PDB file of N, CA and C in Angstrom:
ATOM      1  N   THR A   1      96.096 206.722  85.625  1.00  0.00           N
ATOM      2  CA  THR A   1      97.308 206.018  85.993  1.00  0.00           C
ATOM      3  C   THR A   1      98.233 206.910  86.824  1.00  0.00           C
ATOM      4  N   LYS A   2      98.387 208.179  86.408  1.00  0.00           N
ATOM      5  CA  LYS A   2      99.248 209.091  87.170  1.00  0.00           C
ATOM      6  C   LYS A   2      98.736 209.281  88.593  1.00  0.00           C
ATOM      7  N   GLU A   3      97.418 209.367  88.717  1.00  0.00           N
ATOM      8  CA  GLU A   3      96.810 209.559  90.032  1.00  0.00           C
ATOM      9  C   GLU A   3      97.138 208.391  90.964  1.00  0.00           C
ATOM     10  N   CYS A   4      96.970 207.178  90.468  1.00  0.00           N
ATOM     11  CA  CYS A   4      97.256 205.985  91.278  1.00  0.00           C
ATOM     12  C   CYS A   4      98.737 205.883  91.613  1.00  0.00           C
ATOM     13  N   LYS A   5      99.597 206.196  90.658  1.00  0.00           N
ATOM     14  CA  LYS A   5     101.036 206.149  90.917  1.00  0.00           C
ATOM     15  C   LYS A   5     101.426 207.162  91.985  1.00  0.00           C
ATOM     16  N   SER A   6     100.828 208.349  91.922  1.00  0.00           N
ATOM     17  CA  SER A   6     101.127 209.374  92.911  1.00  0.00           C
ATOM     18  C   SER A   6     100.700 208.926  94.304  1.00  0.00           C
ATOM     19  N   MET A   7      99.516 208.318  94.395  1.00  0.00           N
ATOM     20  CA  MET A   7      99.043 207.819  95.691  1.00  0.00           C
ATOM     21  C   MET A   7      99.928 206.680  96.191  1.00  0.00           C
ATOM     22  N   ARG A   8     100.378 205.832  95.283  1.00  0.00           N
ATOM     23  CA  ARG A   8     101.288 204.740  95.668  1.00  0.00           C
ATOM     24  C   ARG A   8     102.614 205.323  96.163  1.00  0.00           C
ATOM     25  N   ASP A   9     103.170 206.255  95.400  1.00  0.00           N
ATOM     26  CA  ASP A   9     104.477 206.807  95.735  1.00  0.00           C
ATOM     27  C   ASP A   9     104.462 207.602  97.040  1.00  0.00           C
ATOM     28  N   ASP A  10     103.323 208.211  97.360  1.00  0.00           N
ATOM     29  CA  ASP A  10     103.200 208.986  98.590  1.00  0.00           C
ATOM     30  C   ASP A  10     102.457 208.222  99.687  1.00  0.00           C
ATOM     31  N   GLY A  11     102.324 206.918  99.508  1.00  0.00           N
ATOM     32  CA  GLY A  11     101.600 206.085 100.464  1.00  0.00           C
ATOM     33  C   GLY A  11     102.154 206.151 101.869  1.00  0.00           C
ATOM     34  N   LYS A  12     103.470 206.240 102.002  1.00  0.00           N
ATOM     35  CA  LYS A  12     104.074 206.301 103.340  1.00  0.00           C
ATOM     36  C   LYS A  12     103.545 207.518 104.096  1.00  0.00           C
ATOM     37  N   GLU A  13     103.425 208.623 103.411  1.00  0.00           N
ATOM     38  CA  GLU A  13     102.901 209.845 104.032  1.00  0.00           C
ATOM     39  C   GLU A  13     101.412 209.702 104.350  1.00  0.00           C
ATOM     40  N   LEU A  14     100.650 209.133 103.425  1.00  0.00           N
ATOM     41  CA  LEU A  14      99.204 208.980 103.623  1.00  0.00           C
ATOM     42  C   LEU A  14      98.888 208.035 104.778  1.00  0.00           C
ATOM     43  N   ARG A  15      99.699 207.010 104.938  1.00  0.00           N
ATOM     44  CA  ARG A  15      99.464 206.031 106.005  1.00  0.00           C
ATOM     45  C   ARG A  15      99.739 206.588 107.400  1.00  0.00           C
ATOM     46  N   LYS A  16     100.310 207.781 107.488  1.00  0.00           N
ATOM     47  CA  LYS A  16     100.531 208.418 108.786  1.00  0.00           C
ATOM     48  C   LYS A  16      99.218 208.913 109.395  1.00  0.00           C
ATOM     49  N   TYR A  17      98.208 209.071 108.557  1.00  0.00           N
ATOM     50  CA  TYR A  17      96.928 209.626 109.007  1.00  0.00           C
ATOM     51  C   TYR A  17      95.951 208.531 109.410  1.00  0.00           C
ATOM     52  N   GLU A  18      95.013 208.895 110.245  1.00  0.00           N
ATOM     53  CA  GLU A  18      93.962 207.975 110.681  1.00  0.00           C
ATOM     54  C   GLU A  18      92.851 207.956 109.635  1.00  0.00           C
ATOM     55  N   VAL A  19      93.169 207.407 108.478  1.00  0.00           N
ATOM     56  CA  VAL A  19      92.214 207.347 107.370  1.00  0.00           C
ATOM     57  C   VAL A  19      92.307 206.005 106.660  1.00  0.00           C
ATOM     58  N   ALA A  20      91.242 205.697 105.961  1.00  0.00           N
ATOM     59  CA  ALA A  20      91.253 204.604 104.989  1.00  0.00           C
ATOM     60  C   ALA A  20      91.181 205.292 103.637  1.00  0.00           C
ATOM     61  N   TYR A  21      92.081 204.956 102.741  1.00  0.00           N
ATOM     62  CA  TYR A  21      92.016 205.581 101.422  1.00  0.00           C
ATOM     63  C   TYR A  21      91.993 204.506 100.351  1.00  0.00           C
ATOM     64  N   PHE A  22      91.312 204.840  99.270  1.00  0.00           N
ATOM     65  CA  PHE A  22      91.118 203.906  98.162  1.00  0.00           C
ATOM     66  C   PHE A  22      90.661 204.697  96.956  1.00  0.00           C
ATOM     67  N   THR A  23      90.636 204.050  95.823  1.00  0.00           N
ATOM     68  CA  THR A  23      90.048 204.653  94.631  1.00  0.00           C
ATOM     69  C   THR A  23      88.824 203.830  94.254  1.00  0.00           C
ATOM     70  N   ALA A  24      88.030 204.388  93.369  1.00  0.00           N
ATOM     71  CA  ALA A  24      86.847 203.681  92.884  1.00  0.00           C
ATOM     72  C   ALA A  24      86.824 203.777  91.367  1.00  0.00           C
ATOM     73  N   SER A  25      86.302 202.745  90.744  1.00  0.00           N
ATOM     74  CA  SER A  25      86.275 202.656  89.291  1.00  0.00           C
ATOM     75  C   SER A  25      84.970 202.004  88.854  1.00  0.00           C
ATOM     76  N   VAL A  26      84.524 202.358  87.652  1.00  0.00           N
ATOM     77  CA  VAL A  26      83.329 201.710  87.102  1.00  0.00           C
ATOM     78  C   VAL A  26      83.708 200.470  86.294  1.00  0.00           C
ATOM     79  N   ASP A  27      84.972 200.081  86.354  1.00  0.00           N
ATOM     80  CA  ASP A  27      85.420 198.869  85.667  1.00  0.00           C
ATOM     81  C   ASP A  27      85.081 197.629  86.495  1.00  0.00           C
ATOM     82  N   GLU A  28      85.117 196.488  85.838  1.00  0.00           N
ATOM     83  CA  GLU A  28      84.856 195.203  86.493  1.00  0.00           C
ATOM     84  C   GLU A  28      85.980 194.889  87.487  1.00  0.00           C
ATOM     85  N   PRO A  29      85.679 194.143  88.548  1.00  0.00           N
ATOM     86  CA  PRO A  29      86.690 193.819  89.566  1.00  0.00           C
ATOM     87  C   PRO A  29      87.972 193.205  88.998  1.00  0.00           C
ATOM     88  N   GLN A  30      87.862 192.282  88.071  1.00  0.00           N
ATOM     89  CA  GLN A  30      89.057 191.630  87.527  1.00  0.00           C
ATOM     90  C   GLN A  30      89.964 192.633  86.819  1.00  0.00           C
ATOM     91  N   LYS A  31      89.362 193.553  86.071  1.00  0.00           N
ATOM     92  CA  LYS A  31      90.149 194.575  85.374  1.00  0.00           C
ATOM     93  C   LYS A  31      90.858 195.474  86.390  1.00  0.00           C
ATOM     94  N   ASN A  32      90.157 195.841  87.452  1.00  0.00           N
ATOM     95  CA  ASN A  32      90.779 196.663  88.498  1.00  0.00           C
ATOM     96  C   ASN A  32      91.906 195.916  89.198  1.00  0.00           C
ATOM     97  N   LYS A  33      91.710 194.635  89.448  1.00  0.00           N
ATOM     98  CA  LYS A  33      92.741 193.810  90.091  1.00  0.00           C
ATOM     99  C   LYS A  33      94.000 193.775  89.231  1.00  0.00           C
ATOM    100  N   GLU A  34      93.830 193.539  87.942  1.00  0.00           N
ATOM    101  CA  GLU A  34      94.974 193.487  87.027  1.00  0.00           C
ATOM    102  C   GLU A  34      95.674 194.840  86.948  1.00  0.00           C
ATOM    103  N   PHE A  35      94.890 195.909  86.904  1.00  0.00           N
ATOM    104  CA  PHE A  35      95.452 197.259  86.857  1.00  0.00           C
ATOM    105  C   PHE A  35      96.267 197.530  88.120  1.00  0.00           C
ATOM    106  N   ALA A  36      95.699 197.219  89.280  1.00  0.00           N
ATOM    107  CA  ALA A  36      96.386 197.444  90.554  1.00  0.00           C
ATOM    108  C   ALA A  36      97.690 196.652  90.628  1.00  0.00           C
ATOM    109  N   GLU A  37      97.645 195.408  90.204  1.00  0.00           N
ATOM    110  CA  GLU A  37      98.849 194.572  90.219  1.00  0.00           C
ATOM    111  C   GLU A  37      99.905 195.109  89.269  1.00  0.00           C
ATOM    112  N   SER A  38      99.495 195.597  88.105  1.00  0.00           N
ATOM    113  CA  SER A  38     100.456 196.097  87.116  1.00  0.00           C
ATOM    114  C   SER A  38     101.205 197.326  87.623  1.00  0.00           C
ATOM    115  N   LEU A  39     100.568 198.093  88.518  1.00  0.00           N
ATOM    116  CA  LEU A  39     101.202 199.294  89.065  1.00  0.00           C
ATOM    117  C   LEU A  39     101.784 199.078  90.458  1.00  0.00           C
ATOM    118  N   GLY A  40     101.578 197.892  91.022  1.00  0.00           N
ATOM    119  CA  GLY A  40     102.068 197.622  92.372  1.00  0.00           C
ATOM    120  C   GLY A  40     101.386 198.489  93.422  1.00  0.00           C
ATOM    121  N   LEU A  41     100.092 198.691  93.274  1.00  0.00           N
ATOM    122  CA  LEU A  41      99.366 199.548  94.212  1.00  0.00           C
ATOM    123  C   LEU A  41      99.225 198.866  95.566  1.00  0.00           C
ATOM    124  N   ASP A  42      99.285 199.662  96.614  1.00  0.00           N
ATOM    125  CA  ASP A  42      99.163 199.129  97.974  1.00  0.00           C
ATOM    126  C   ASP A  42      97.885 199.625  98.653  1.00  0.00           C
ATOM    127  N   PHE A  43      96.906 199.986  97.844  1.00  0.00           N
ATOM    128  CA  PHE A  43      95.597 200.406  98.344  1.00  0.00           C
ATOM    129  C   PHE A  43      94.537 199.809  97.423  1.00  0.00           C
ATOM    130  N   PRO A  44      93.313 199.648  97.924  1.00  0.00           N
ATOM    131  CA  PRO A  44      92.273 198.999  97.116  1.00  0.00           C
ATOM    132  C   PRO A  44      91.659 199.905  96.050  1.00  0.00           C
ATOM    133  N   ILE A  45      91.188 199.252  95.004  1.00  0.00           N
ATOM    134  CA  ILE A  45      90.355 199.906  93.997  1.00  0.00           C
ATOM    135  C   ILE A  45      88.980 199.261  94.113  1.00  0.00           C
ATOM    136  N   LEU A  46      88.001 200.048  94.482  1.00  0.00           N
ATOM    137  CA  LEU A  46      86.639 199.540  94.594  1.00  0.00           C
ATOM    138  C   LEU A  46      85.995 199.520  93.216  1.00  0.00           C
ATOM    139  N   SER A  47      85.228 198.493  92.937  1.00  0.00           N
ATOM    140  CA  SER A  47      84.582 198.343  91.633  1.00  0.00           C
ATOM    141  C   SER A  47      83.104 198.700  91.722  1.00  0.00           C
ATOM    142  N   ASP A  48      82.661 199.507  90.770  1.00  0.00           N
ATOM    143  CA  ASP A  48      81.263 199.931  90.684  1.00  0.00           C
ATOM    144  C   ASP A  48      80.780 199.776  89.240  1.00  0.00           C
ATOM    145  N   PRO A  49      80.809 198.534  88.706  1.00  0.00           N
ATOM    146  CA  PRO A  49      80.475 198.344  87.289  1.00  0.00           C
ATOM    147  C   PRO A  49      79.030 198.704  86.937  1.00  0.00           C
ATOM    148  N   GLN A  50      78.125 198.675  87.913  1.00  0.00           N
ATOM    149  CA  GLN A  50      76.735 199.084  87.646  1.00  0.00           C
ATOM    150  C   GLN A  50      76.580 200.603  87.718  1.00  0.00           C
ATOM    151  N   LYS A  51      77.629 201.281  88.175  1.00  0.00           N
ATOM    152  CA  LYS A  51      77.697 202.746  88.271  1.00  0.00           C
ATOM    153  C   LYS A  51      76.707 203.342  89.270  1.00  0.00           C
ATOM    154  N   ASN A  52      76.226 202.535  90.189  1.00  0.00           N
ATOM    155  CA  ASN A  52      75.269 203.026  91.182  1.00  0.00           C
ATOM    156  C   ASN A  52      75.894 204.036  92.141  1.00  0.00           C
ATOM    157  N   VAL A  53      77.071 203.716  92.657  1.00  0.00           N
ATOM    158  CA  VAL A  53      77.745 204.617  93.592  1.00  0.00           C
ATOM    159  C   VAL A  53      78.180 205.886  92.864  1.00  0.00           C
ATOM    160  N   ALA A  54      78.683 205.740  91.650  1.00  0.00           N
ATOM    161  CA  ALA A  54      79.095 206.903  90.856  1.00  0.00           C
ATOM    162  C   ALA A  54      77.925 207.862  90.655  1.00  0.00           C
ATOM    163  N   LYS A  55      76.766 207.323  90.384  1.00  0.00           N
ATOM    164  CA  LYS A  55      75.566 208.166  90.216  1.00  0.00           C
ATOM    165  C   LYS A  55      75.220 208.868  91.522  1.00  0.00           C
ATOM    166  N   GLU A  56      75.246 208.123  92.631  1.00  0.00           N
ATOM    167  CA  GLU A  56      74.890 208.698  93.932  1.00  0.00           C
ATOM    168  C   GLU A  56      75.834 209.828  94.345  1.00  0.00           C
ATOM    169  N   TYR A  57      77.104 209.701  94.003  1.00  0.00           N
ATOM    170  CA  TYR A  57      78.078 210.734  94.351  1.00  0.00           C
ATOM    171  C   TYR A  57      78.166 211.838  93.301  1.00  0.00           C
ATOM    172  N   GLY A  58      77.424 211.700  92.208  1.00  0.00           N
ATOM    173  CA  GLY A  58      77.380 212.742  91.189  1.00  0.00           C
ATOM    174  C   GLY A  58      78.613 212.834  90.322  1.00  0.00           C
ATOM    175  N   VAL A  59      79.392 211.759  90.237  1.00  0.00           N
ATOM    176  CA  VAL A  59      80.631 211.806  89.462  1.00  0.00           C
ATOM    177  C   VAL A  59      80.492 211.236  88.051  1.00  0.00           C
ATOM    178  N   LEU A  60      79.362 210.621  87.757  1.00  0.00           N
ATOM    179  CA  LEU A  60      79.165 210.040  86.431  1.00  0.00           C
ATOM    180  C   LEU A  60      78.948 211.166  85.425  1.00  0.00           C
ATOM    181  N   ARG A  61      79.727 211.174  84.378  1.00  0.00           N
ATOM    182  CA  ARG A  61      79.601 212.209  83.351  1.00  0.00           C
ATOM    183  C   ARG A  61      78.309 212.011  82.567  1.00  0.00           C
ATOM    184  N   PRO A  62      77.827 213.083  81.931  1.00  0.00           N
ATOM    185  CA  PRO A  62      76.549 213.003  81.213  1.00  0.00           C
ATOM    186  C   PRO A  62      76.466 211.890  80.175  1.00  0.00           C
ATOM    187  N   ASP A  63      77.596 211.540  79.565  1.00  0.00           N
ATOM    188  CA  ASP A  63      77.571 210.468  78.558  1.00  0.00           C
ATOM    189  C   ASP A  63      77.391 209.095  79.209  1.00  0.00           C
ATOM    190  N   GLY A  64      77.552 209.040  80.541  1.00  0.00           N
ATOM    191  CA  GLY A  64      77.319 207.810  81.289  1.00  0.00           C
ATOM    192  C   GLY A  64      78.413 206.773  81.196  1.00  0.00           C
ATOM    193  N   GLY A  65      79.490 207.058  80.475  1.00  0.00           N
ATOM    194  CA  GLY A  65      80.535 206.058  80.294  1.00  0.00           C
ATOM    195  C   GLY A  65      81.653 206.108  81.311  1.00  0.00           C
ATOM    196  N   VAL A  66      82.068 207.319  81.650  1.00  0.00           N
ATOM    197  CA  VAL A  66      83.194 207.474  82.575  1.00  0.00           C
ATOM    198  C   VAL A  66      82.806 208.424  83.699  1.00  0.00           C
ATOM    199  N   THR A  67      83.676 208.512  84.673  1.00  0.00           N
ATOM    200  CA  THR A  67      83.407 209.367  85.828  1.00  0.00           C
ATOM    201  C   THR A  67      84.378 210.535  85.885  1.00  0.00           C
ATOM    202  N   ASN A  68      83.968 211.568  86.593  1.00  0.00           N
ATOM    203  CA  ASN A  68      84.875 212.679  86.881  1.00  0.00           C
ATOM    204  C   ASN A  68      85.900 212.202  87.894  1.00  0.00           C
ATOM    205  N   ARG A  69      87.069 212.781  87.827  1.00  0.00           N
ATOM    206  CA  ARG A  69      88.170 212.412  88.717  1.00  0.00           C
ATOM    207  C   ARG A  69      88.127 213.326  89.943  1.00  0.00           C
ATOM    208  N   TRP A  70      87.255 213.005  90.871  1.00  0.00           N
ATOM    209  CA  TRP A  70      87.087 213.799  92.085  1.00  0.00           C
ATOM    210  C   TRP A  70      87.534 212.985  93.290  1.00  0.00           C
ATOM    211  N   THR A  71      87.946 213.695  94.342  1.00  0.00           N
ATOM    212  CA  THR A  71      88.313 213.036  95.586  1.00  0.00           C
ATOM    213  C   THR A  71      87.396 213.525  96.697  1.00  0.00           C
ATOM    214  N   PHE A  72      86.812 212.577  97.407  1.00  0.00           N
ATOM    215  CA  PHE A  72      85.909 212.872  98.515  1.00  0.00           C
ATOM    216  C   PHE A  72      86.624 212.599  99.830  1.00  0.00           C
ATOM    217  N   TYR A  73      86.571 213.583 100.723  1.00  0.00           N
ATOM    218  CA  TYR A  73      87.113 213.434 102.071  1.00  0.00           C
ATOM    219  C   TYR A  73      85.906 213.260 102.989  1.00  0.00           C
ATOM    220  N   ILE A  74      85.803 212.103 103.588  1.00  0.00           N
ATOM    221  CA  ILE A  74      84.632 211.759 104.384  1.00  0.00           C
ATOM    222  C   ILE A  74      85.056 211.559 105.833  1.00  0.00           C
ATOM    223  N   GLY A  75      84.378 212.236 106.731  1.00  0.00           N
ATOM    224  CA  GLY A  75      84.702 212.164 108.153  1.00  0.00           C
ATOM    225  C   GLY A  75      84.291 210.842 108.773  1.00  0.00           C
ATOM    226  N   LYS A  76      84.756 210.616 109.976  1.00  0.00           N
ATOM    227  CA  LYS A  76      84.426 209.385 110.698  1.00  0.00           C
ATOM    228  C   LYS A  76      82.924 209.237 110.916  1.00  0.00           C
ATOM    229  N   ASN A  77      82.210 210.368 110.897  1.00  0.00           N
ATOM    230  CA  ASN A  77      80.761 210.343 111.088  1.00  0.00           C
ATOM    231  C   ASN A  77      80.003 210.075 109.781  1.00  0.00           C
ATOM    232  N   GLY A  78      80.761 209.881 108.685  1.00  0.00           N
ATOM    233  CA  GLY A  78      80.145 209.579 107.398  1.00  0.00           C
ATOM    234  C   GLY A  78      79.768 210.797 106.580  1.00  0.00           C
ATOM    235  N   LYS A  79      80.013 211.985 107.100  1.00  0.00           N
ATOM    236  CA  LYS A  79      79.670 213.210 106.373  1.00  0.00           C
ATOM    237  C   LYS A  79      80.827 213.642 105.485  1.00  0.00           C
ATOM    238  N   VAL A  80      80.474 214.148 104.306  1.00  0.00           N
ATOM    239  CA  VAL A  80      81.484 214.632 103.372  1.00  0.00           C
ATOM    240  C   VAL A  80      82.049 215.948 103.914  1.00  0.00           C
ATOM    241  N   LEU A  81      83.366 215.981 104.113  1.00  0.00           N
ATOM    242  CA  LEU A  81      84.050 217.161 104.626  1.00  0.00           C
ATOM    243  C   LEU A  81      84.491 218.089 103.506  1.00  0.00           C
ATOM    244  N   TYR A  82      84.857 217.499 102.378  1.00  0.00           N
ATOM    245  CA  TYR A  82      85.390 218.287 101.264  1.00  0.00           C
ATOM    246  C   TYR A  82      85.382 217.418 100.011  1.00  0.00           C
ATOM    247  N   VAL A  83      85.181 218.063  98.863  1.00  0.00           N
ATOM    248  CA  VAL A  83      85.270 217.379  97.575  1.00  0.00           C
ATOM    249  C   VAL A  83      86.266 218.142  96.714  1.00  0.00           C
ATOM    250  N   ASP A  84      87.315 217.473  96.296  1.00  0.00           N
ATOM    251  CA  ASP A  84      88.307 218.055  95.392  1.00  0.00           C
ATOM    252  C   ASP A  84      87.881 217.729  93.968  1.00  0.00           C
ATOM    253  N   LYS A  85      87.424 218.755  93.242  1.00  0.00           N
ATOM    254  CA  LYS A  85      86.974 218.572  91.862  1.00  0.00           C
ATOM    255  C   LYS A  85      88.038 218.990  90.855  1.00  0.00           C
ATOM    256  N   SER A  86      89.217 219.352  91.347  1.00  0.00           N
ATOM    257  CA  SER A  86      90.320 219.781  90.475  1.00  0.00           C
ATOM    258  C   SER A  86      91.570 218.965  90.779  1.00  0.00           C
ATOM    259  N   VAL A  87      91.463 217.674  90.649  1.00  0.00           N
ATOM    260  CA  VAL A  87      92.567 216.772  90.981  1.00  0.00           C
ATOM    261  C   VAL A  87      93.740 216.959  90.024  1.00  0.00           C
ATOM    262  N   ASN A  88      94.917 217.185  90.599  1.00  0.00           N
ATOM    263  CA  ASN A  88      96.168 217.224  89.842  1.00  0.00           C
ATOM    264  C   ASN A  88      96.743 215.811  89.937  1.00  0.00           C
ATOM    265  N   THR A  89      96.580 215.035  88.883  1.00  0.00           N
ATOM    266  CA  THR A  89      96.900 213.609  88.951  1.00  0.00           C
ATOM    267  C   THR A  89      98.347 213.336  89.349  1.00  0.00           C
ATOM    268  N   ALA A  90      99.284 214.121  88.852  1.00  0.00           N
ATOM    269  CA  ALA A  90     100.698 213.856  89.125  1.00  0.00           C
ATOM    270  C   ALA A  90     101.084 214.139  90.577  1.00  0.00           C
ATOM    271  N   GLU A  91     100.351 215.009  91.254  1.00  0.00           N
ATOM    272  CA  GLU A  91     100.677 215.408  92.623  1.00  0.00           C
ATOM    273  C   GLU A  91      99.608 214.981  93.630  1.00  0.00           C
ATOM    274  N   HIS A  92      98.740 214.082  93.229  1.00  0.00           N
ATOM    275  CA  HIS A  92      97.563 213.806  94.038  1.00  0.00           C
ATOM    276  C   HIS A  92      97.877 213.256  95.426  1.00  0.00           C
ATOM    277  N   GLY A  93      98.849 212.400  95.557  1.00  0.00           N
ATOM    278  CA  GLY A  93      99.213 211.872  96.872  1.00  0.00           C
ATOM    279  C   GLY A  93      99.620 212.979  97.828  1.00  0.00           C
ATOM    280  N   LYS A  94     100.464 213.882  97.366  1.00  0.00           N
ATOM    281  CA  LYS A  94     100.893 215.018  98.188  1.00  0.00           C
ATOM    282  C   LYS A  94      99.711 215.928  98.511  1.00  0.00           C
ATOM    283  N   ASP A  95      98.852 216.154  97.504  1.00  0.00           N
ATOM    284  CA  ASP A  95      97.684 217.016  97.710  1.00  0.00           C
ATOM    285  C   ASP A  95      96.733 216.430  98.752  1.00  0.00           C
ATOM    286  N   ILE A  96      96.567 215.117  98.744  1.00  0.00           N
ATOM    287  CA  ILE A  96      95.706 214.471  99.737  1.00  0.00           C
ATOM    288  C   ILE A  96      96.271 214.704 101.141  1.00  0.00           C
ATOM    289  N   ALA A  97      97.568 214.486 101.320  1.00  0.00           N
ATOM    290  CA  ALA A  97      98.192 214.686 102.637  1.00  0.00           C
ATOM    291  C   ALA A  97      98.017 216.128 103.102  1.00  0.00           C
ATOM    292  N   LYS A  98      98.207 217.062 102.205  1.00  0.00           N
ATOM    293  CA  LYS A  98      98.042 218.481 102.549  1.00  0.00           C
ATOM    294  C   LYS A  98      96.602 218.761 102.985  1.00  0.00           C
ATOM    295  N   LYS A  99      95.633 218.237 102.246  1.00  0.00           N
ATOM    296  CA  LYS A  99      94.225 218.473 102.579  1.00  0.00           C
ATOM    297  C   LYS A  99      93.868 217.805 103.906  1.00  0.00           C
ATOM    298  N   LEU A 100      94.402 216.625 104.164  1.00  0.00           N
ATOM    299  CA  LEU A 100      94.148 215.963 105.444  1.00  0.00           C
ATOM    300  C   LEU A 100      94.630 216.833 106.604  1.00  0.00           C
ATOM    301  N   ASP A 101      95.796 217.459 106.426  1.00  0.00           N
ATOM    302  CA  ASP A 101      96.300 218.387 107.447  1.00  0.00           C
ATOM    303  C   ASP A 101      95.342 219.561 107.620  1.00  0.00           C
ATOM    304  N   GLU A 102      94.927 220.151 106.490  1.00  0.00           N
ATOM    305  CA  GLU A 102      94.016 221.301 106.535  1.00  0.00           C
ATOM    306  C   GLU A 102      92.705 220.959 107.234  1.00  0.00           C
ATOM    307  N   LEU A 103      92.234 219.735 107.029  1.00  0.00           N
ATOM    308  CA  LEU A 103      90.974 219.302 107.629  1.00  0.00           C
ATOM    309  C   LEU A 103      91.130 218.869 109.090  1.00  0.00           C
ATOM    310  N   GLY A 104      92.379 218.867 109.569  1.00  0.00           N
ATOM    311  CA  GLY A 104      92.630 218.504 110.961  1.00  0.00           C
ATOM    312  C   GLY A 104      92.515 217.023 111.253  1.00  0.00           C
ATOM    313  N   VAL A 105      92.751 216.209 110.238  1.00  0.00           N
ATOM    314  CA  VAL A 105      92.688 214.759 110.427  1.00  0.00           C
ATOM    315  C   VAL A 105      93.884 214.324 111.275  1.00  0.00           C
ATOM    316  N   GLY A 106      93.622 213.506 112.256  1.00  0.00           N
ATOM    317  CA  GLY A 106      94.669 213.063 113.165  1.00  0.00           C
ATOM    318  C   GLY A 106      95.653 212.101 112.531  1.00  0.00           C
ATOM    319  N   LYS A 107      96.827 212.083 113.112  1.00  0.00           N
ATOM    320  CA  LYS A 107      97.849 211.134 112.678  1.00  0.00           C
ATOM    321  C   LYS A 107      97.890 209.982 113.665  1.00  0.00           C
ATOM    322  N   LYS A 108      98.386 208.853 113.181  1.00  0.00           N
ATOM    323  CA  LYS A 108      98.479 207.644 114.009  1.00  0.00           C
ATOM    324  C   LYS A 108      99.563 207.780 115.051  1.00  0.00           C
TER     325      LYS A 108
END
């Protein structure tokens, strides 16, 4: 919840960049929709209830129930530029903007 709130609160800064940003969850679409509405999120939450994408990205924990809280920065060419495996949930929106700058991502 803190992570999503941080991204929402720093959305104005994130939208300055030439990126598409979203979160992903292994919850069902309806649950994600309700969660997003309850927080007033202005970005999508992708649903992966079969956990196929989570497995492919290596974020599914060994118990198979939940995922690691990682952020993937993917270039326009589809290649992974960086993976943040130490997400600070309360500051995540600011951290994303900082990393986008470091990676040389263009602004609109």
